[in-house]
Amino acid sequence: MPVLEECYEFLYLVSTASEDGLTALYESGGIKLLAHQMSALPDGSHLMELAMKLVQLMLKKLSQGIVENDHLSELSVIVTKIARQFALLQNALKFEALHLLSAIFSSEYSTLLHDALRVIQNENWSNHMRDGVATILQNRVAPAEKFEALILAESMVSIKGEGWLIGQINLPNVQDPIPADRCLLLVLESSRVEVAVLLNELAYSKYEASKSSSSTAETIISKQQKVTIVFSLVEKIIKLISNIGETEGHLLDENTFIKAINGLNETIGVVLEYLQDAKEHGQKVGNDLLASVRLVGSYLAEAPVACEDKITELLGYMLSVEGEHESSPFYSVCFLLPMLCQKTMKIEGCKLLSSSGGYKAVSIS
């Protein structure tokens, strides 16, 4: 493919040298061209590398203009081809694929892209994504790259459902079978670590860092956005574990199930400590606090006896937390109601609701 490679080299040079060149490539159907040709390019080849770089350049144009249905269909095909590189390669191009997929799934049109990817019949691409995510999370890589892998995991669960986390993993140069629950445990453990790190950094930025720092507000917003992603993943894992616990003959053995429950307990414990810190600083308004209450409520709806001491201490506070644009703690009450319904089936739960003053918030809402 010497001629084709020269053509790709030329397109890349023109696109990087001139904004007009990139615009011309985009407007002349560059996305469609790449979607058509990438499936025929050799895995890990220089041609594939150039094609991925061209996709990365044209993403800027997609984000600036109106994303049409044709673009979404073509981009979904491109995602499936990049997913294969992400799974199979064990070199620098694997990380280029990771960065590119993360950028695509973090874009403003990602929700629309999810719909386009759901209708793809071939399941190989989603298996490739699981293989790639598992490889990144189980190896020593930079924290930023692990977080990108979590972005991909969250997107895949949104597209394919929580069951995507459980499935056969095939890694290059690994002959022995890998347990089907490996990806689930890797994602849960990585999410637990990220929750602890992000909430610690967020608390420091909010309560300890210099208020005069011009970067403080931007830092807080950035951390909150990352927290949203890992909270979403943890919440979906809670749903998965809950559904599995109610199903006979499920794919998880008892040991894995216990590991997952322990991981969730630790994660929720960290979130409760963050809420405790906010309470001590007199903070009860914030989307990060509301998201924390939502996550705690999701878990306690399935495990109402978990973290009882902390819940006893924080129930009244959690029922008072408001989102940034709320005038009352309506959503906090909604998030905690399933747990409260279960707890108040016993006299101890009724006493807790009464002593914490939580009954006032519930009755007002």
Protein backbone atom coordinates (compact mmCIF):
# COMPACT_ATOMS: atom_id res chain seq x y z
CA MET A 1 0.00 0.00 0.00
CA PRO A 2 2.81 2.49 -0.71
CA VAL A 3 0.60 4.81 -2.79
CA LEU A 4 -2.20 4.83 -0.23
CA GLU A 5 0.29 5.51 2.54
CA GLU A 6 1.70 8.47 0.61
CA CYS A 7 -1.84 9.81 0.16
CA TYR A 8 -2.51 9.55 3.89
CA GLU A 9 0.81 11.23 4.64
CA PHE A 10 -0.10 14.06 2.29
CA LEU A 11 -3.57 14.48 3.82
CA TYR A 12 -2.10 14.55 7.30
CA LEU A 13 0.58 17.10 6.41
CA VAL A 14 -1.91 19.39 4.68
CA SER A 15 -4.42 19.08 7.54
CA THR A 16 -1.85 19.94 10.20
CA ALA A 17 -0.23 22.74 8.22
CA SER A 18 -3.40 24.64 7.36
CA GLU A 19 -6.81 25.07 8.92
CA ASP A 20 -8.17 25.47 5.41
CA GLY A 21 -6.68 22.11 4.50
CA LEU A 22 -8.40 20.41 7.43
CA THR A 23 -11.68 22.13 6.56
CA ALA A 24 -11.41 20.98 2.95
CA LEU A 25 -10.79 17.39 4.04
CA TYR A 26 -13.72 17.46 6.46
CA GLU A 27 -16.17 19.09 4.04
CA SER A 28 -15.22 16.75 1.20
CA GLY A 29 -16.27 13.71 3.22
CA GLY A 30 -13.13 12.88 5.16
CA ILE A 31 -15.05 11.14 7.95
CA LYS A 32 -16.90 8.97 5.43
CA LEU A 33 -13.63 8.11 3.67
CA LEU A 34 -11.96 6.98 6.87
CA ALA A 35 -15.00 5.00 8.01
CA HIS A 36 -14.92 3.13 4.71
CA GLN A 37 -11.18 2.47 4.57
CA MET A 38 -10.11 1.84 8.17
CA SER A 39 -11.54 -1.68 8.25
CA ALA A 40 -9.13 -2.66 5.47
CA LEU A 41 -6.02 -1.15 7.05
CA PRO A 42 -3.56 -3.55 8.73
CA ASP A 43 -3.67 -3.58 12.54
CA GLY A 44 -0.94 -1.46 14.08
CA SER A 45 0.32 -0.22 10.71
CA HIS A 46 1.59 3.26 9.94
CA LEU A 47 -1.49 3.68 7.76
CA MET A 48 -3.74 2.95 10.73
CA GLU A 49 -1.77 5.42 12.83
CA LEU A 50 -2.21 8.13 10.20
CA ALA A 51 -5.91 7.37 9.88
CA MET A 52 -6.35 7.73 13.64
CA LYS A 53 -4.49 11.04 13.61
CA LEU A 54 -6.76 12.31 10.85
CA VAL A 55 -9.81 11.27 12.88
CA GLN A 56 -8.44 13.19 15.85
CA LEU A 57 -8.00 16.31 13.75
CA MET A 58 -11.50 16.11 12.30
CA LEU A 59 -13.07 15.71 15.74
CA LYS A 60 -12.49 19.44 16.16
CA LYS A 61 -14.68 20.10 13.15
CA LEU A 62 -17.39 17.80 14.48
CA SER A 63 -17.42 19.66 17.78
CA GLN A 64 -17.70 23.01 16.03
CA GLY A 65 -20.54 22.16 13.68
CA ILE A 66 -23.88 20.43 13.70
CA VAL A 67 -23.43 16.68 13.98
CA GLU A 68 -25.54 15.03 11.32
CA ASN A 69 -26.87 11.48 11.41
CA ASP A 70 -24.47 10.45 8.65
CA HIS A 71 -21.54 11.65 10.73
CA LEU A 72 -22.75 9.67 13.73
CA SER A 73 -23.12 6.50 11.69
CA GLU A 74 -19.67 6.92 10.18
CA LEU A 75 -18.10 7.83 13.50
CA SER A 76 -19.63 4.75 15.11
CA VAL A 77 -17.94 2.60 12.45
CA ILE A 78 -14.64 4.36 13.15
CA VAL A 79 -15.03 3.72 16.89
CA THR A 80 -15.38 -0.01 16.26
CA LYS A 81 -12.16 -0.03 14.22
CA ILE A 82 -10.22 1.94 16.83
CA ALA A 83 -11.56 -0.39 19.53
CA ARG A 84 -9.83 -3.28 17.76
CA GLN A 85 -6.49 -1.45 17.90
CA PHE A 86 -7.11 -0.64 21.55
CA ALA A 87 -7.56 -4.33 22.34
CA LEU A 88 -4.94 -6.01 20.18
CA LEU A 89 -1.94 -3.70 20.22
CA GLN A 90 0.68 -3.60 22.95
CA ASN A 91 2.64 -0.53 21.88
CA ALA A 92 2.34 3.26 21.81
CA LEU A 93 -0.52 3.08 19.30
CA LYS A 94 -2.64 1.35 21.95
CA PHE A 95 -2.44 4.50 24.05
CA GLU A 96 -3.19 6.67 21.02
CA ALA A 97 -6.34 4.59 20.59
CA LEU A 98 -7.15 5.08 24.28
CA HIS A 99 -6.74 8.86 24.05
CA LEU A 100 -8.80 9.05 20.87
CA LEU A 101 -11.65 6.90 22.18
CA SER A 102 -11.69 8.87 25.42
CA ALA A 103 -11.91 12.14 23.49
CA ILE A 104 -14.78 10.80 21.39
CA PHE A 105 -16.74 9.54 24.39
CA SER A 106 -16.11 12.78 26.30
CA SER A 107 -17.35 14.96 23.45
CA GLU A 108 -20.56 16.96 23.37
CA TYR A 109 -22.08 14.56 20.84
CA SER A 110 -21.28 11.40 22.83
CA THR A 111 -24.90 10.81 23.85
CA LEU A 112 -26.00 10.81 20.21
CA LEU A 113 -23.10 8.53 19.36
CA HIS A 114 -24.25 6.07 22.04
CA ASP A 115 -27.50 5.63 20.13
CA ALA A 116 -25.63 4.96 16.89
CA LEU A 117 -23.39 2.38 18.56
CA ARG A 118 -26.33 0.53 20.13
CA VAL A 119 -27.63 -0.55 16.73
CA ILE A 120 -24.34 -2.09 15.57
CA GLN A 121 -24.95 -5.81 15.24
CA ASN A 122 -21.37 -7.03 15.54
CA GLU A 123 -20.47 -7.54 19.21
CA ASN A 124 -16.72 -7.84 18.60
CA TRP A 125 -16.14 -4.14 19.12
CA SER A 126 -17.64 -4.15 22.62
CA ASN A 127 -15.54 -7.19 23.52
CA HIS A 128 -12.49 -5.36 22.21
CA MET A 129 -13.35 -2.40 24.42
CA ARG A 130 -13.57 -4.66 27.47
CA ASP A 131 -10.23 -6.28 26.62
CA GLY A 132 -8.57 -2.88 26.23
CA VAL A 133 -10.04 -1.41 29.41
CA ALA A 134 -9.00 -4.47 31.44
CA THR A 135 -5.45 -4.30 30.07
CA ILE A 136 -5.05 -0.64 30.99
CA LEU A 137 -6.53 -1.00 34.48
CA GLN A 138 -4.47 -4.04 35.45
CA ASN A 139 -1.13 -2.55 34.40
CA ARG A 140 1.03 0.26 35.69
CA VAL A 141 0.06 3.26 33.63
CA ALA A 142 -0.30 6.96 34.36
CA PRO A 143 -3.31 7.95 36.51
CA ALA A 144 -4.68 10.05 33.65
CA GLU A 145 -4.72 7.01 31.38
CA LYS A 146 -6.45 4.89 34.00
CA PHE A 147 -9.11 7.56 34.27
CA GLU A 148 -9.53 7.54 30.49
CA ALA A 149 -10.11 3.79 30.72
CA LEU A 150 -12.84 4.47 33.29
CA ILE A 151 -14.42 6.98 30.90
CA LEU A 152 -14.57 4.21 28.31
CA ALA A 153 -16.00 1.75 30.84
CA GLU A 154 -18.72 4.20 31.88
CA SER A 155 -19.63 4.83 28.25
CA MET A 156 -19.75 1.13 27.43
CA VAL A 157 -22.01 0.40 30.40
CA SER A 158 -24.28 3.23 29.24
CA ILE A 159 -24.38 1.74 25.75
CA LYS A 160 -24.47 -1.99 26.42
CA GLY A 161 -25.79 -2.19 29.98
CA GLU A 162 -24.16 -3.26 33.24
CA GLY A 163 -23.67 -6.80 31.96
CA TRP A 164 -20.84 -5.52 29.75
CA LEU A 165 -18.62 -5.54 32.83
CA ILE A 166 -18.81 -9.33 32.95
CA GLY A 167 -17.50 -11.27 29.99
CA GLN A 168 -14.64 -13.24 28.55
CA ILE A 169 -11.40 -11.27 28.28
CA ASN A 170 -8.83 -12.10 25.63
CA LEU A 171 -5.43 -10.51 26.03
CA PRO A 172 -2.52 -10.77 23.59
CA ASN A 173 0.18 -13.25 24.63
CA VAL A 174 -1.94 -14.59 27.51
CA GLN A 175 -2.81 -18.26 27.06
CA ASP A 176 -4.54 -19.03 30.36
CA PRO A 177 -8.25 -18.17 30.53
CA ILE A 178 -9.05 -14.96 32.39
CA PRO A 179 -12.08 -14.98 34.72
CA ALA A 180 -15.16 -13.31 33.26
CA ASP A 181 -15.46 -11.10 36.34
CA ARG A 182 -11.96 -9.61 36.00
CA CYS A 183 -13.14 -6.43 34.26
CA LEU A 184 -15.83 -5.84 36.89
CA LEU A 185 -13.36 -6.09 39.76
CA LEU A 186 -10.77 -3.94 37.99
CA VAL A 187 -13.30 -1.21 37.23
CA LEU A 188 -14.68 -1.29 40.78
CA GLU A 189 -11.24 -1.12 42.40
CA SER A 190 -10.07 1.66 40.07
CA SER A 191 -13.29 3.58 40.70
CA ARG A 192 -12.85 3.18 44.46
CA VAL A 193 -9.34 4.62 44.25
CA GLU A 194 -10.50 7.49 42.03
CA VAL A 195 -13.37 8.33 44.38
CA ALA A 196 -10.98 8.52 47.33
CA VAL A 197 -8.43 10.64 45.47
CA LEU A 198 -10.92 12.98 43.81
CA LEU A 199 -13.01 13.62 46.92
CA ASN A 200 -9.87 14.28 48.95
CA GLU A 201 -8.62 16.75 46.34
CA LEU A 202 -12.05 18.32 46.03
CA ALA A 203 -12.33 18.79 49.79
CA TYR A 204 -8.89 20.38 49.88
CA SER A 205 -9.76 22.74 47.02
CA LYS A 206 -13.02 23.76 48.69
CA TYR A 207 -11.95 24.06 52.30
CA GLU A 208 -8.16 24.37 52.51
CA ALA A 209 -6.76 25.95 49.35
CA SER A 210 -6.28 29.70 49.13
CA LYS A 211 -9.55 31.35 48.19
CA SER A 212 -7.61 33.96 46.24
CA SER A 213 -6.27 31.38 43.82
CA SER A 214 -7.69 32.05 40.37
CA SER A 215 -7.46 28.39 39.49
CA THR A 216 -9.45 27.15 42.49
CA ALA A 217 -12.89 27.49 40.86
CA GLU A 218 -11.69 25.79 37.67
CA THR A 219 -10.06 23.02 39.68
CA ILE A 220 -13.26 22.38 41.62
CA ILE A 221 -15.35 22.21 38.44
CA SER A 222 -12.86 19.82 36.82
CA LYS A 223 -12.83 17.54 39.87
CA GLN A 224 -16.63 17.59 40.08
CA GLN A 225 -16.90 16.51 36.45
CA LYS A 226 -14.56 13.59 37.09
CA VAL A 227 -16.46 12.64 40.24
CA THR A 228 -19.65 12.49 38.17
CA ILE A 229 -18.10 9.85 35.91
CA VAL A 230 -16.82 7.57 38.67
CA PHE A 231 -20.02 7.97 40.69
CA SER A 232 -21.99 6.91 37.62
CA LEU A 233 -19.82 3.81 37.29
CA VAL A 234 -20.16 2.88 40.95
CA GLU A 235 -23.92 3.36 40.81
CA LYS A 236 -24.15 1.06 37.80
CA ILE A 237 -22.04 -1.55 39.57
CA ILE A 238 -24.43 -1.33 42.53
CA LYS A 239 -27.30 -2.04 40.14
CA LEU A 240 -25.41 -4.95 38.59
CA ILE A 241 -24.56 -6.55 41.93
CA SER A 242 -28.15 -6.09 43.11
CA ASN A 243 -29.56 -7.76 40.00
CA ILE A 244 -27.06 -10.60 40.23
CA GLY A 245 -27.91 -11.17 43.88
CA GLU A 246 -31.54 -11.71 42.89
CA THR A 247 -30.73 -14.11 40.04
CA GLU A 248 -30.10 -17.80 40.43
CA GLY A 249 -27.22 -19.31 38.49
CA HIS A 250 -25.45 -15.98 38.02
CA LEU A 251 -21.93 -15.67 36.62
CA LEU A 252 -20.23 -14.45 39.80
CA ASP A 253 -18.89 -16.89 42.36
CA GLU A 254 -19.25 -16.20 46.07
CA ASN A 255 -15.68 -14.94 46.45
CA THR A 256 -16.12 -12.35 43.71
CA PHE A 257 -19.47 -11.30 45.11
CA ILE A 258 -17.90 -10.71 48.54
CA LYS A 259 -15.03 -8.73 46.97
CA ALA A 260 -17.53 -6.54 45.14
CA ILE A 261 -19.57 -5.89 48.29
CA ASN A 262 -16.43 -5.04 50.26
CA GLY A 263 -15.30 -2.68 47.52
CA LEU A 264 -18.67 -0.95 47.49
CA ASN A 265 -18.68 -0.67 51.29
CA GLU A 266 -15.27 1.00 51.21
CA THR A 267 -16.35 3.37 48.46
CA ILE A 268 -19.53 4.42 50.22
CA GLY A 269 -17.52 4.87 53.42
CA VAL A 270 -15.27 7.37 51.62
CA VAL A 271 -18.30 9.24 50.28
CA LEU A 272 -19.80 9.43 53.76
CA GLU A 273 -16.54 10.88 55.08
CA TYR A 274 -16.73 13.54 52.37
CA LEU A 275 -20.27 14.39 53.46
CA GLN A 276 -19.10 14.49 57.09
CA ASP A 277 -16.38 16.96 56.10
CA ALA A 278 -18.93 19.13 54.29
CA LYS A 279 -21.23 19.05 57.31
CA GLU A 280 -18.41 20.18 59.60
CA HIS A 281 -17.68 23.08 57.24
CA GLY A 282 -21.32 24.12 57.20
CA GLN A 283 -21.78 23.24 53.53
CA LYS A 284 -25.07 21.76 52.40
CA VAL A 285 -25.49 23.20 48.89
CA GLY A 286 -23.62 21.78 45.92
CA ASN A 287 -24.13 19.37 43.06
CA ASP A 288 -21.19 17.29 44.28
CA LEU A 289 -22.88 16.91 47.66
CA LEU A 290 -26.20 16.04 46.02
CA ALA A 291 -24.45 13.45 43.82
CA SER A 292 -22.85 12.00 46.95
CA VAL A 293 -26.25 11.67 48.62
CA ARG A 294 -27.62 10.03 45.49
CA LEU A 295 -24.82 7.43 45.45
CA VAL A 296 -25.24 6.70 49.15
CA GLY A 297 -29.00 6.41 48.66
CA SER A 298 -28.55 4.00 45.74
CA TYR A 299 -26.39 1.71 47.81
CA LEU A 300 -28.46 1.87 50.99
CA ALA A 301 -31.59 1.06 49.00
CA GLU A 302 -29.95 -2.32 48.34
CA ALA A 303 -28.08 -2.64 51.66
CA PRO A 304 -30.04 -0.62 54.24
CA VAL A 305 -27.99 -1.93 57.18
CA ALA A 306 -24.63 -0.88 55.71
CA CYS A 307 -22.57 1.84 57.42
CA GLU A 308 -25.18 2.15 60.18
CA ASP A 309 -23.11 4.29 62.56
CA LYS A 310 -22.29 6.87 59.89
CA ILE A 311 -25.85 6.91 58.59
CA THR A 312 -27.16 7.50 62.10
CA GLU A 313 -24.80 10.46 62.41
CA LEU A 314 -25.41 11.94 58.96
CA LEU A 315 -29.04 11.17 58.12
CA GLY A 316 -30.40 14.56 59.15
CA TYR A 317 -27.64 16.35 57.27
CA MET A 318 -28.08 14.28 54.10
CA LEU A 319 -31.79 15.05 54.09
CA SER A 320 -30.91 18.76 54.10
CA VAL A 321 -28.47 18.71 51.14
CA GLU A 322 -29.56 20.79 48.14
CA GLY A 323 -28.36 21.03 44.56
CA GLU A 324 -26.98 24.35 43.37
CA HIS A 325 -30.25 25.38 41.73
CA GLU A 326 -32.64 23.94 44.30
CA SER A 327 -34.63 25.92 46.82
CA SER A 328 -35.26 22.87 49.01
CA PRO A 329 -33.68 19.44 49.55
CA PHE A 330 -36.29 17.73 47.38
CA TYR A 331 -33.90 15.48 45.45
CA SER A 332 -31.94 14.40 48.52
CA VAL A 333 -35.16 13.23 50.11
CA CYS A 334 -36.09 11.37 46.90
CA PHE A 335 -32.70 9.65 46.76
CA LEU A 336 -32.95 8.48 50.36
CA LEU A 337 -36.62 7.48 50.41
CA PRO A 338 -36.10 3.83 49.34
CA MET A 339 -33.67 3.34 52.22
CA LEU A 340 -35.95 5.17 54.66
CA CYS A 341 -38.92 3.03 53.64
CA GLN A 342 -36.97 -0.09 54.56
CA LYS A 343 -35.50 1.30 57.77
CA THR A 344 -38.82 2.59 59.09
CA MET A 345 -40.33 -0.87 58.84
CA LYS A 346 -38.67 -1.36 62.22
CA ILE A 347 -39.10 0.76 65.33
CA GLU A 348 -35.37 1.58 65.43
CA GLY A 349 -35.62 3.16 61.99
CA CYS A 350 -38.60 5.26 63.03
CA LYS A 351 -36.69 6.47 66.07
CA LEU A 352 -33.70 7.37 63.88
CA LEU A 353 -35.87 9.36 61.48
CA SER A 354 -37.46 11.18 64.40
CA SER A 355 -34.28 11.90 66.36
CA SER A 356 -32.42 13.18 63.29
CA GLY A 357 -35.21 15.58 62.41
CA GLY A 358 -35.41 13.89 59.05
CA TYR A 359 -39.16 13.46 59.30
CA LYS A 360 -39.50 17.23 58.81
CA ALA A 361 -37.67 17.15 55.48
CA VAL A 362 -39.69 14.14 54.34
CA SER A 363 -43.02 15.69 55.30
CA ILE A 364 -42.19 19.02 53.64
CA SER A 365 -41.03 17.34 50.42
